[in-house]
mmCIF file of all heavy atoms, coordinates in Angstrom:
data_MODEL
# 
_entry.id   MODEL 
# 
loop_
_atom_site.group_PDB 
_atom_site.id 
_atom_site.type_symbol 
_atom_site.label_atom_id 
_atom_site.label_alt_id 
_atom_site.label_comp_id 
_atom_site.label_asym_id 
_atom_site.label_entity_id 
_atom_site.label_seq_id 
_atom_site.pdbx_PDB_ins_code 
_atom_site.Cartn_x 
_atom_site.Cartn_y 
_atom_site.Cartn_z 
_atom_site.occupancy 
_atom_site.B_iso_or_equiv 
_atom_site.pdbx_formal_charge 
_atom_site.auth_seq_id 
_atom_site.auth_comp_id 
_atom_site.auth_asym_id 
_atom_site.auth_atom_id 
_atom_site.pdbx_PDB_model_num 
ATOM 1   N N   . ARG A 1 1  ? -15.044 -1.945  -2.150  1.00 0.00 ? 1  ARG A N   1 
ATOM 2   C CA  . ARG A 1 1  ? -16.312 -1.376  -2.609  1.00 0.00 ? 1  ARG A CA  1 
ATOM 3   C C   . ARG A 1 1  ? -16.118 0.084   -3.000  1.00 0.00 ? 1  ARG A C   1 
ATOM 4   O O   . ARG A 1 1  ? -15.578 0.876   -2.248  1.00 0.00 ? 1  ARG A O   1 
ATOM 5   C CB  . ARG A 1 1  ? -17.368 -1.468  -1.502  1.00 0.00 ? 1  ARG A CB  1 
ATOM 6   C CG  . ARG A 1 1  ? -17.631 -2.891  -1.046  1.00 0.00 ? 1  ARG A CG  1 
ATOM 7   C CD  . ARG A 1 1  ? -18.290 -3.723  -2.128  1.00 0.00 ? 1  ARG A CD  1 
ATOM 8   N NE  . ARG A 1 1  ? -18.544 -5.074  -1.659  1.00 0.00 ? 1  ARG A NE  1 
ATOM 9   C CZ  . ARG A 1 1  ? -19.111 -6.002  -2.399  1.00 0.00 ? 1  ARG A CZ  1 
ATOM 10  N NH1 . ARG A 1 1  ? -19.496 -5.736  -3.622  1.00 0.00 ? 1  ARG A NH1 1 
ATOM 11  N NH2 . ARG A 1 1  ? -19.290 -7.217  -1.922  1.00 0.00 ? 1  ARG A NH2 1 
ATOM 12  N N   . ARG A 1 2  ? -16.541 0.426   -4.185  1.00 0.00 ? 2  ARG A N   1 
ATOM 13  C CA  . ARG A 1 2  ? -16.501 1.799   -4.628  1.00 0.00 ? 2  ARG A CA  1 
ATOM 14  C C   . ARG A 1 2  ? -17.801 2.118   -5.345  1.00 0.00 ? 2  ARG A C   1 
ATOM 15  O O   . ARG A 1 2  ? -18.624 1.247   -5.560  1.00 0.00 ? 2  ARG A O   1 
ATOM 16  C CB  . ARG A 1 2  ? -15.350 2.033   -5.615  1.00 0.00 ? 2  ARG A CB  1 
ATOM 17  C CG  . ARG A 1 2  ? -13.964 1.858   -5.045  1.00 0.00 ? 2  ARG A CG  1 
ATOM 18  C CD  . ARG A 1 2  ? -12.935 2.330   -6.087  1.00 0.00 ? 2  ARG A CD  1 
ATOM 19  N NE  . ARG A 1 2  ? -11.594 2.035   -5.652  1.00 0.00 ? 2  ARG A NE  1 
ATOM 20  C CZ  . ARG A 1 2  ? -10.940 0.940   -5.956  1.00 0.00 ? 2  ARG A CZ  1 
ATOM 21  N NH1 . ARG A 1 2  ? -11.540 -0.002  -6.651  1.00 0.00 ? 2  ARG A NH1 1 
ATOM 22  N NH2 . ARG A 1 2  ? -9.697  0.753   -5.547  1.00 0.00 ? 2  ARG A NH2 1 
ATOM 23  N N   . LYS A 1 3  ? -17.895 3.319   -5.728  1.00 0.00 ? 3  LYS A N   1 
ATOM 24  C CA  . LYS A 1 3  ? -19.035 3.719   -6.527  1.00 0.00 ? 3  LYS A CA  1 
ATOM 25  C C   . LYS A 1 3  ? -18.988 2.976   -7.863  1.00 0.00 ? 3  LYS A C   1 
ATOM 26  O O   . LYS A 1 3  ? -17.958 2.913   -8.514  1.00 0.00 ? 3  LYS A O   1 
ATOM 27  C CB  . LYS A 1 3  ? -19.010 5.229   -6.759  1.00 0.00 ? 3  LYS A CB  1 
ATOM 28  C CG  . LYS A 1 3  ? -20.213 5.732   -7.548  1.00 0.00 ? 3  LYS A CG  1 
ATOM 29  C CD  . LYS A 1 3  ? -20.133 7.233   -7.724  1.00 0.00 ? 3  LYS A CD  1 
ATOM 30  C CE  . LYS A 1 3  ? -21.312 7.740   -8.560  1.00 0.00 ? 3  LYS A CE  1 
ATOM 31  N NZ  . LYS A 1 3  ? -21.248 9.201   -8.752  1.00 0.00 ? 3  LYS A NZ  1 
ATOM 32  N N   . ARG A 1 4  ? -20.108 2.417   -8.238  1.00 0.00 ? 4  ARG A N   1 
ATOM 33  C CA  . ARG A 1 4  ? -20.162 1.601   -9.440  1.00 0.00 ? 4  ARG A CA  1 
ATOM 34  C C   . ARG A 1 4  ? -19.937 2.450   -10.677 1.00 0.00 ? 4  ARG A C   1 
ATOM 35  O O   . ARG A 1 4  ? -20.504 3.507   -10.850 1.00 0.00 ? 4  ARG A O   1 
ATOM 36  C CB  . ARG A 1 4  ? -21.528 0.910   -9.521  1.00 0.00 ? 4  ARG A CB  1 
ATOM 37  C CG  . ARG A 1 4  ? -21.724 0.048   -10.760 1.00 0.00 ? 4  ARG A CG  1 
ATOM 38  C CD  . ARG A 1 4  ? -20.762 -1.098  -10.746 1.00 0.00 ? 4  ARG A CD  1 
ATOM 39  N NE  . ARG A 1 4  ? -20.977 -1.956  -11.907 1.00 0.00 ? 4  ARG A NE  1 
ATOM 40  C CZ  . ARG A 1 4  ? -20.135 -2.892  -12.280 1.00 0.00 ? 4  ARG A CZ  1 
ATOM 41  N NH1 . ARG A 1 4  ? -19.030 -3.108  -11.586 1.00 0.00 ? 4  ARG A NH1 1 
ATOM 42  N NH2 . ARG A 1 4  ? -20.390 -3.634  -13.338 1.00 0.00 ? 4  ARG A NH2 1 
ATOM 43  N N   . ARG A 1 5  ? -19.059 1.988   -11.556 1.00 0.00 ? 5  ARG A N   1 
ATOM 44  C CA  . ARG A 1 5  ? -18.832 2.621   -12.835 1.00 0.00 ? 5  ARG A CA  1 
ATOM 45  C C   . ARG A 1 5  ? -18.588 1.538   -13.870 1.00 0.00 ? 5  ARG A C   1 
ATOM 46  O O   . ARG A 1 5  ? -18.429 0.377   -13.530 1.00 0.00 ? 5  ARG A O   1 
ATOM 47  C CB  . ARG A 1 5  ? -17.622 3.561   -12.790 1.00 0.00 ? 5  ARG A CB  1 
ATOM 48  C CG  . ARG A 1 5  ? -16.321 2.848   -12.449 1.00 0.00 ? 5  ARG A CG  1 
ATOM 49  C CD  . ARG A 1 5  ? -15.116 3.723   -12.745 1.00 0.00 ? 5  ARG A CD  1 
ATOM 50  N NE  . ARG A 1 5  ? -13.893 3.068   -12.348 1.00 0.00 ? 5  ARG A NE  1 
ATOM 51  C CZ  . ARG A 1 5  ? -13.304 2.089   -13.030 1.00 0.00 ? 5  ARG A CZ  1 
ATOM 52  N NH1 . ARG A 1 5  ? -13.860 1.652   -14.143 1.00 0.00 ? 5  ARG A NH1 1 
ATOM 53  N NH2 . ARG A 1 5  ? -12.182 1.537   -12.613 1.00 0.00 ? 5  ARG A NH2 1 
ATOM 54  N N   . ARG A 1 6  ? -18.551 1.911   -15.095 1.00 0.00 ? 6  ARG A N   1 
ATOM 55  C CA  . ARG A 1 6  ? -18.294 0.940   -16.148 1.00 0.00 ? 6  ARG A CA  1 
ATOM 56  C C   . ARG A 1 6  ? -16.848 0.474   -16.074 1.00 0.00 ? 6  ARG A C   1 
ATOM 57  O O   . ARG A 1 6  ? -15.944 1.295   -15.933 1.00 0.00 ? 6  ARG A O   1 
ATOM 58  C CB  . ARG A 1 6  ? -18.576 1.559   -17.521 1.00 0.00 ? 6  ARG A CB  1 
ATOM 59  C CG  . ARG A 1 6  ? -20.057 1.832   -17.769 1.00 0.00 ? 6  ARG A CG  1 
ATOM 60  C CD  . ARG A 1 6  ? -20.260 2.355   -19.179 1.00 0.00 ? 6  ARG A CD  1 
ATOM 61  N NE  . ARG A 1 6  ? -21.675 2.580   -19.448 1.00 0.00 ? 6  ARG A NE  1 
ATOM 62  C CZ  . ARG A 1 6  ? -22.154 3.015   -20.619 1.00 0.00 ? 6  ARG A CZ  1 
ATOM 63  N NH1 . ARG A 1 6  ? -21.296 3.260   -21.620 1.00 0.00 ? 6  ARG A NH1 1 
ATOM 64  N NH2 . ARG A 1 6  ? -23.437 3.199   -20.788 1.00 0.00 ? 6  ARG A NH2 1 
ATOM 65  N N   . PRO A 1 7  ? -16.625 -0.833  -16.173 1.00 0.00 ? 7  PRO A N   1 
ATOM 66  C CA  . PRO A 1 7  ? -15.238 -1.326  -16.080 1.00 0.00 ? 7  PRO A CA  1 
ATOM 67  C C   . PRO A 1 7  ? -14.458 -1.000  -17.340 1.00 0.00 ? 7  PRO A C   1 
ATOM 68  O O   . PRO A 1 7  ? -15.012 -0.832  -18.423 1.00 0.00 ? 7  PRO A O   1 
ATOM 69  C CB  . PRO A 1 7  ? -15.430 -2.840  -15.918 1.00 0.00 ? 7  PRO A CB  1 
ATOM 70  C CG  . PRO A 1 7  ? -16.734 -3.118  -16.578 1.00 0.00 ? 7  PRO A CG  1 
ATOM 71  C CD  . PRO A 1 7  ? -17.601 -1.922  -16.327 1.00 0.00 ? 7  PRO A CD  1 
ATOM 72  N N   . ARG A 1 8  ? -13.154 -0.908  -17.163 1.00 0.00 ? 8  ARG A N   1 
ATOM 73  C CA  . ARG A 1 8  ? -12.254 -0.758  -18.288 1.00 0.00 ? 8  ARG A CA  1 
ATOM 74  C C   . ARG A 1 8  ? -11.625 -2.112  -18.600 1.00 0.00 ? 8  ARG A C   1 
ATOM 75  O O   . ARG A 1 8  ? -11.603 -3.000  -17.753 1.00 0.00 ? 8  ARG A O   1 
ATOM 76  C CB  . ARG A 1 8  ? -11.171 0.281   -17.968 1.00 0.00 ? 8  ARG A CB  1 
ATOM 77  C CG  . ARG A 1 8  ? -11.706 1.701   -17.860 1.00 0.00 ? 8  ARG A CG  1 
ATOM 78  C CD  . ARG A 1 8  ? -10.539 2.687   -17.833 1.00 0.00 ? 8  ARG A CD  1 
ATOM 79  N NE  . ARG A 1 8  ? -9.832  2.613   -16.568 1.00 0.00 ? 8  ARG A NE  1 
ATOM 80  C CZ  . ARG A 1 8  ? -10.070 3.417   -15.538 1.00 0.00 ? 8  ARG A CZ  1 
ATOM 81  N NH1 . ARG A 1 8  ? -11.024 4.334   -15.634 1.00 0.00 ? 8  ARG A NH1 1 
ATOM 82  N NH2 . ARG A 1 8  ? -9.383  3.303   -14.426 1.00 0.00 ? 8  ARG A NH2 1 
ATOM 83  N N   . ARG A 1 9  ? -11.089 -2.222  -19.817 1.00 0.00 ? 9  ARG A N   1 
ATOM 84  C CA  . ARG A 1 9  ? -10.457 -3.480  -20.202 1.00 0.00 ? 9  ARG A CA  1 
ATOM 85  C C   . ARG A 1 9  ? -9.348  -3.835  -19.208 1.00 0.00 ? 9  ARG A C   1 
ATOM 86  O O   . ARG A 1 9  ? -8.542  -2.988  -18.842 1.00 0.00 ? 9  ARG A O   1 
ATOM 87  C CB  . ARG A 1 9  ? -9.884  -3.379  -21.611 1.00 0.00 ? 9  ARG A CB  1 
ATOM 88  C CG  . ARG A 1 9  ? -10.945 -3.289  -22.672 1.00 0.00 ? 9  ARG A CG  1 
ATOM 89  C CD  . ARG A 1 9  ? -10.331 -3.127  -24.049 1.00 0.00 ? 9  ARG A CD  1 
ATOM 90  N NE  . ARG A 1 9  ? -9.510  -1.903  -24.146 1.00 0.00 ? 9  ARG A NE  1 
ATOM 91  C CZ  . ARG A 1 9  ? -8.868  -1.529  -25.251 1.00 0.00 ? 9  ARG A CZ  1 
ATOM 92  N NH1 . ARG A 1 9  ? -8.937  -2.266  -26.330 1.00 0.00 ? 9  ARG A NH1 1 
ATOM 93  N NH2 . ARG A 1 9  ? -8.150  -0.434  -25.260 1.00 0.00 ? 9  ARG A NH2 1 
ATOM 94  N N   . GLY A 1 10 ? -9.336  -5.100  -18.785 1.00 0.00 ? 10 GLY A N   1 
ATOM 95  C CA  . GLY A 1 10 ? -8.403  -5.540  -17.761 1.00 0.00 ? 10 GLY A CA  1 
ATOM 96  C C   . GLY A 1 10 ? -9.053  -5.662  -16.399 1.00 0.00 ? 10 GLY A C   1 
ATOM 97  O O   . GLY A 1 10 ? -8.488  -6.264  -15.493 1.00 0.00 ? 10 GLY A O   1 
ATOM 98  N N   . GLU A 1 11 ? -10.250 -5.098  -16.251 1.00 0.00 ? 11 GLU A N   1 
ATOM 99  C CA  . GLU A 1 11 ? -11.002 -5.202  -15.007 1.00 0.00 ? 11 GLU A CA  1 
ATOM 100 C C   . GLU A 1 11 ? -12.101 -6.248  -15.164 1.00 0.00 ? 11 GLU A C   1 
ATOM 101 O O   . GLU A 1 11 ? -12.289 -6.812  -16.246 1.00 0.00 ? 11 GLU A O   1 
ATOM 102 C CB  . GLU A 1 11 ? -11.582 -3.834  -14.640 1.00 0.00 ? 11 GLU A CB  1 
ATOM 103 C CG  . GLU A 1 11 ? -10.512 -2.758  -14.434 1.00 0.00 ? 11 GLU A CG  1 
ATOM 104 C CD  . GLU A 1 11 ? -11.096 -1.384  -14.181 1.00 0.00 ? 11 GLU A CD  1 
ATOM 105 O OE1 . GLU A 1 11 ? -12.335 -1.239  -14.257 1.00 0.00 ? 11 GLU A OE1 1 
ATOM 106 O OE2 . GLU A 1 11 ? -10.320 -0.459  -13.926 1.00 0.00 ? 11 GLU A OE2 1 
ATOM 107 N N   . ASP A 1 12 ? -12.849 -6.481  -14.078 1.00 0.00 ? 12 ASP A N   1 
ATOM 108 C CA  . ASP A 1 12 ? -13.901 -7.500  -14.107 1.00 0.00 ? 12 ASP A CA  1 
ATOM 109 C C   . ASP A 1 12 ? -15.165 -6.956  -14.775 1.00 0.00 ? 12 ASP A C   1 
ATOM 110 O O   . ASP A 1 12 ? -15.750 -5.975  -14.314 1.00 0.00 ? 12 ASP A O   1 
ATOM 111 C CB  . ASP A 1 12 ? -14.229 -7.963  -12.683 1.00 0.00 ? 12 ASP A CB  1 
ATOM 112 C CG  . ASP A 1 12 ? -13.189 -8.912  -12.141 1.00 0.00 ? 12 ASP A CG  1 
ATOM 113 O OD1 . ASP A 1 12 ? -12.663 -9.715  -12.930 1.00 0.00 ? 12 ASP A OD1 1 
ATOM 114 O OD2 . ASP A 1 12 ? -12.884 -8.848  -10.936 1.00 0.00 ? 12 ASP A OD2 1 
ATOM 115 N N   . PHE A 1 13 ? -15.586 -7.637  -15.833 1.00 0.00 ? 13 PHE A N   1 
ATOM 116 C CA  . PHE A 1 13 ? -16.811 -7.298  -16.553 1.00 0.00 ? 13 PHE A CA  1 
ATOM 117 C C   . PHE A 1 13 ? -17.914 -8.271  -16.180 1.00 0.00 ? 13 PHE A C   1 
ATOM 118 O O   . PHE A 1 13 ? -17.660 -9.458  -15.949 1.00 0.00 ? 13 PHE A O   1 
ATOM 119 C CB  . PHE A 1 13 ? -16.587 -7.403  -18.066 1.00 0.00 ? 13 PHE A CB  1 
ATOM 120 C CG  . PHE A 1 13 ? -15.877 -6.242  -18.688 1.00 0.00 ? 13 PHE A CG  1 
ATOM 121 C CD1 . PHE A 1 13 ? -14.528 -6.030  -18.454 1.00 0.00 ? 13 PHE A CD1 1 
ATOM 122 C CD2 . PHE A 1 13 ? -16.548 -5.363  -19.521 1.00 0.00 ? 13 PHE A CD2 1 
ATOM 123 C CE1 . PHE A 1 13 ? -13.852 -4.973  -19.035 1.00 0.00 ? 13 PHE A CE1 1 
ATOM 124 C CE2 . PHE A 1 13 ? -15.884 -4.297  -20.121 1.00 0.00 ? 13 PHE A CE2 1 
ATOM 125 C CZ  . PHE A 1 13 ? -14.534 -4.101  -19.876 1.00 0.00 ? 13 PHE A CZ  1 
ATOM 126 N N   . ASN A 1 14 ? -19.143 -7.785  -16.137 1.00 0.00 ? 14 ASN A N   1 
ATOM 127 C CA  . ASN A 1 14 ? -20.286 -8.681  -16.179 1.00 0.00 ? 14 ASN A CA  1 
ATOM 128 C C   . ASN A 1 14 ? -20.434 -9.184  -17.610 1.00 0.00 ? 14 ASN A C   1 
ATOM 129 O O   . ASN A 1 14 ? -19.916 -8.583  -18.564 1.00 0.00 ? 14 ASN A O   1 
ATOM 130 C CB  . ASN A 1 14 ? -21.573 -7.960  -15.747 1.00 0.00 ? 14 ASN A CB  1 
ATOM 131 C CG  . ASN A 1 14 ? -21.550 -7.612  -14.268 1.00 0.00 ? 14 ASN A CG  1 
ATOM 132 O OD1 . ASN A 1 14 ? -20.953 -8.311  -13.468 1.00 0.00 ? 14 ASN A OD1 1 
ATOM 133 N ND2 . ASN A 1 14 ? -22.170 -6.488  -13.920 1.00 0.00 ? 14 ASN A ND2 1 
ATOM 134 N N   . PHE A 1 15 ? -21.161 -10.284 -17.762 1.00 0.00 ? 15 PHE A N   1 
ATOM 135 C CA  . PHE A 1 15 ? -21.295 -10.872 -19.093 1.00 0.00 ? 15 PHE A CA  1 
ATOM 136 C C   . PHE A 1 15 ? -21.973 -9.908  -20.061 1.00 0.00 ? 15 PHE A C   1 
ATOM 137 O O   . PHE A 1 15 ? -21.528 -9.747  -21.205 1.00 0.00 ? 15 PHE A O   1 
ATOM 138 C CB  . PHE A 1 15 ? -22.093 -12.176 -19.002 1.00 0.00 ? 15 PHE A CB  1 
ATOM 139 C CG  . PHE A 1 15 ? -22.250 -12.878 -20.309 1.00 0.00 ? 15 PHE A CG  1 
ATOM 140 C CD1 . PHE A 1 15 ? -21.141 -13.323 -21.015 1.00 0.00 ? 15 PHE A CD1 1 
ATOM 141 C CD2 . PHE A 1 15 ? -23.511 -13.100 -20.849 1.00 0.00 ? 15 PHE A CD2 1 
ATOM 142 C CE1 . PHE A 1 15 ? -21.277 -13.969 -22.233 1.00 0.00 ? 15 PHE A CE1 1 
ATOM 143 C CE2 . PHE A 1 15 ? -23.659 -13.750 -22.058 1.00 0.00 ? 15 PHE A CE2 1 
ATOM 144 C CZ  . PHE A 1 15 ? -22.540 -14.188 -22.755 1.00 0.00 ? 15 PHE A CZ  1 
ATOM 145 N N   . THR A 1 16 ? -23.013 -9.229  -19.608 1.00 0.00 ? 16 THR A N   1 
ATOM 146 C CA  . THR A 1 16 ? -23.714 -8.293  -20.498 1.00 0.00 ? 16 THR A CA  1 
ATOM 147 C C   . THR A 1 16 ? -22.842 -7.099  -20.846 1.00 0.00 ? 16 THR A C   1 
ATOM 148 O O   . THR A 1 16 ? -22.963 -6.533  -21.933 1.00 0.00 ? 16 THR A O   1 
ATOM 149 C CB  . THR A 1 16 ? -25.014 -7.813  -19.834 1.00 0.00 ? 16 THR A CB  1 
ATOM 150 O OG1 . THR A 1 16 ? -24.719 -7.291  -18.523 1.00 0.00 ? 16 THR A OG1 1 
ATOM 151 C CG2 . THR A 1 16 ? -26.010 -8.954  -19.698 1.00 0.00 ? 16 THR A CG2 1 
ATOM 152 N N   . GLU A 1 17 ? -21.952 -6.694  -19.928 1.00 0.00 ? 17 GLU A N   1 
ATOM 153 C CA  . GLU A 1 17 ? -21.028 -5.604  -20.222 1.00 0.00 ? 17 GLU A CA  1 
ATOM 154 C C   . GLU A 1 17 ? -20.000 -6.019  -21.270 1.00 0.00 ? 17 GLU A C   1 
ATOM 155 O O   . GLU A 1 17 ? -19.609 -5.218  -22.122 1.00 0.00 ? 17 GLU A O   1 
ATOM 156 C CB  . GLU A 1 17 ? -20.321 -5.156  -18.938 1.00 0.00 ? 17 GLU A CB  1 
ATOM 157 C CG  . GLU A 1 17 ? -21.243 -4.490  -17.926 1.00 0.00 ? 17 GLU A CG  1 
ATOM 158 C CD  . GLU A 1 17 ? -20.576 -4.258  -16.584 1.00 0.00 ? 17 GLU A CD  1 
ATOM 159 O OE1 . GLU A 1 17 ? -19.610 -4.983  -16.263 1.00 0.00 ? 17 GLU A OE1 1 
ATOM 160 O OE2 . GLU A 1 17 ? -21.033 -3.364  -15.847 1.00 0.00 ? 17 GLU A OE2 1 
ATOM 161 N N   . ALA A 1 18 ? -19.572 -7.263  -21.214 1.00 0.00 ? 18 ALA A N   1 
ATOM 162 C CA  . ALA A 1 18 ? -18.597 -7.741  -22.189 1.00 0.00 ? 18 ALA A CA  1 
ATOM 163 C C   . ALA A 1 18 ? -19.219 -7.869  -23.576 1.00 0.00 ? 18 ALA A C   1 
ATOM 164 O O   . ALA A 1 18 ? -18.538 -7.665  -24.592 1.00 0.00 ? 18 ALA A O   1 
ATOM 165 C CB  . ALA A 1 18 ? -18.030 -9.084  -21.740 1.00 0.00 ? 18 ALA A CB  1 
ATOM 166 N N   . LEU A 1 19 ? -20.510 -8.204  -23.631 1.00 0.00 ? 19 LEU A N   1 
ATOM 167 C CA  . LEU A 1 19 ? -21.166 -8.436  -24.919 1.00 0.00 ? 19 LEU A CA  1 
ATOM 168 C C   . LEU A 1 19 ? -21.221 -7.191  -25.797 1.00 0.00 ? 19 LEU A C   1 
ATOM 169 O O   . LEU A 1 19 ? -21.380 -7.304  -27.017 1.00 0.00 ? 19 LEU A O   1 
ATOM 170 C CB  . LEU A 1 19 ? -22.591 -8.965  -24.696 1.00 0.00 ? 19 LEU A CB  1 
ATOM 171 C CG  . LEU A 1 19 ? -22.722 -10.435 -24.289 1.00 0.00 ? 19 LEU A CG  1 
ATOM 172 C CD1 . LEU A 1 19 ? -24.178 -10.796 -24.083 1.00 0.00 ? 19 LEU A CD1 1 
ATOM 173 C CD2 . LEU A 1 19 ? -22.103 -11.361 -25.332 1.00 0.00 ? 19 LEU A CD2 1 
ATOM 174 N N   . VAL A 1 20 ? -21.138 -6.019  -25.211 1.00 0.00 ? 20 VAL A N   1 
ATOM 175 C CA  . VAL A 1 20 ? -21.218 -4.788  -26.004 1.00 0.00 ? 20 VAL A CA  1 
ATOM 176 C C   . VAL A 1 20 ? -19.838 -4.258  -26.366 1.00 0.00 ? 20 VAL A C   1 
ATOM 177 O O   . VAL A 1 20 ? -19.723 -3.174  -26.942 1.00 0.00 ? 20 VAL A O   1 
ATOM 178 C CB  . VAL A 1 20 ? -22.015 -3.701  -25.250 1.00 0.00 ? 20 VAL A CB  1 
ATOM 179 C CG1 . VAL A 1 20 ? -23.435 -4.155  -24.993 1.00 0.00 ? 20 VAL A CG1 1 
ATOM 180 C CG2 . VAL A 1 20 ? -21.326 -3.342  -23.931 1.00 0.00 ? 20 VAL A CG2 1 
ATOM 181 N N   . LYS A 1 21 ? -18.781 -5.028  -26.048 1.00 0.00 ? 21 LYS A N   1 
ATOM 182 C CA  . LYS A 1 21 ? -17.423 -4.601  -26.343 1.00 0.00 ? 21 LYS A CA  1 
ATOM 183 C C   . LYS A 1 21 ? -16.947 -5.211  -27.670 1.00 0.00 ? 21 LYS A C   1 
ATOM 184 O O   . LYS A 1 21 ? -17.096 -6.406  -27.906 1.00 0.00 ? 21 LYS A O   1 
ATOM 185 C CB  . LYS A 1 21 ? -16.469 -5.003  -25.211 1.00 0.00 ? 21 LYS A CB  1 
ATOM 186 C CG  . LYS A 1 21 ? -16.737 -4.269  -23.896 1.00 0.00 ? 21 LYS A CG  1 
ATOM 187 C CD  . LYS A 1 21 ? -16.498 -2.781  -24.067 1.00 0.00 ? 21 LYS A CD  1 
ATOM 188 C CE  . LYS A 1 21 ? -16.718 -2.024  -22.775 1.00 0.00 ? 21 LYS A CE  1 
ATOM 189 N NZ  . LYS A 1 21 ? -16.491 -0.564  -22.947 1.00 0.00 ? 21 LYS A NZ  1 
ATOM 190 N N   . ALA A 1 22 ? -16.339 -4.367  -28.493 1.00 0.00 ? 22 ALA A N   1 
ATOM 191 C CA  . ALA A 1 22 ? -15.831 -4.844  -29.782 1.00 0.00 ? 22 ALA A CA  1 
ATOM 192 C C   . ALA A 1 22 ? -14.736 -5.892  -29.592 1.00 0.00 ? 22 ALA A C   1 
ATOM 193 O O   . ALA A 1 22 ? -14.640 -6.845  -30.377 1.00 0.00 ? 22 ALA A O   1 
ATOM 194 C CB  . ALA A 1 22 ? -15.301 -3.666  -30.597 1.00 0.00 ? 22 ALA A CB  1 
ATOM 195 N N   . ASP A 1 23 ? -13.918 -5.744  -28.533 1.00 0.00 ? 23 ASP A N   1 
ATOM 196 C CA  . ASP A 1 23 ? -12.837 -6.700  -28.300 1.00 0.00 ? 23 ASP A CA  1 
ATOM 197 C C   . ASP A 1 23 ? -13.376 -8.101  -28.052 1.00 0.00 ? 23 ASP A C   1 
ATOM 198 O O   . ASP A 1 23 ? -12.755 -9.094  -28.463 1.00 0.00 ? 23 ASP A O   1 
ATOM 199 C CB  . ASP A 1 23 ? -11.986 -6.264  -27.093 1.00 0.00 ? 23 ASP A CB  1 
ATOM 200 C CG  . ASP A 1 23 ? -11.236 -4.982  -27.372 1.00 0.00 ? 23 ASP A CG  1 
ATOM 201 O OD1 . ASP A 1 23 ? -11.057 -4.651  -28.555 1.00 0.00 ? 23 ASP A OD1 1 
ATOM 202 O OD2 . ASP A 1 23 ? -10.839 -4.298  -26.413 1.00 0.00 ? 23 ASP A OD2 1 
ATOM 203 N N   . PHE A 1 24 ? -14.509 -8.197  -27.365 1.00 0.00 ? 24 PHE A N   1 
ATOM 204 C CA  . PHE A 1 24 ? -15.096 -9.498  -27.079 1.00 0.00 ? 24 PHE A CA  1 
ATOM 205 C C   . PHE A 1 24 ? -15.488 -10.206 -28.380 1.00 0.00 ? 24 PHE A C   1 
ATOM 206 O O   . PHE A 1 24 ? -15.187 -11.395 -28.572 1.00 0.00 ? 24 PHE A O   1 
ATOM 207 C CB  . PHE A 1 24 ? -16.322 -9.328  -26.178 1.00 0.00 ? 24 PHE A CB  1 
ATOM 208 C CG  . PHE A 1 24 ? -16.962 -10.619 -25.763 1.00 0.00 ? 24 PHE A CG  1 
ATOM 209 C CD1 . PHE A 1 24 ? -16.513 -11.300 -24.646 1.00 0.00 ? 24 PHE A CD1 1 
ATOM 210 C CD2 . PHE A 1 24 ? -18.014 -11.158 -26.493 1.00 0.00 ? 24 PHE A CD2 1 
ATOM 211 C CE1 . PHE A 1 24 ? -17.099 -12.503 -24.261 1.00 0.00 ? 24 PHE A CE1 1 
ATOM 212 C CE2 . PHE A 1 24 ? -18.612 -12.352 -26.113 1.00 0.00 ? 24 PHE A CE2 1 
ATOM 213 C CZ  . PHE A 1 24 ? -18.147 -13.020 -24.988 1.00 0.00 ? 24 PHE A CZ  1 
# 
């Protein structure tokens, strides 16, 4: 558990977080 931050590529994304990524 850590302070919540935006994930970087290679880490676990929520579905909505992935939807805003160009790579997705």
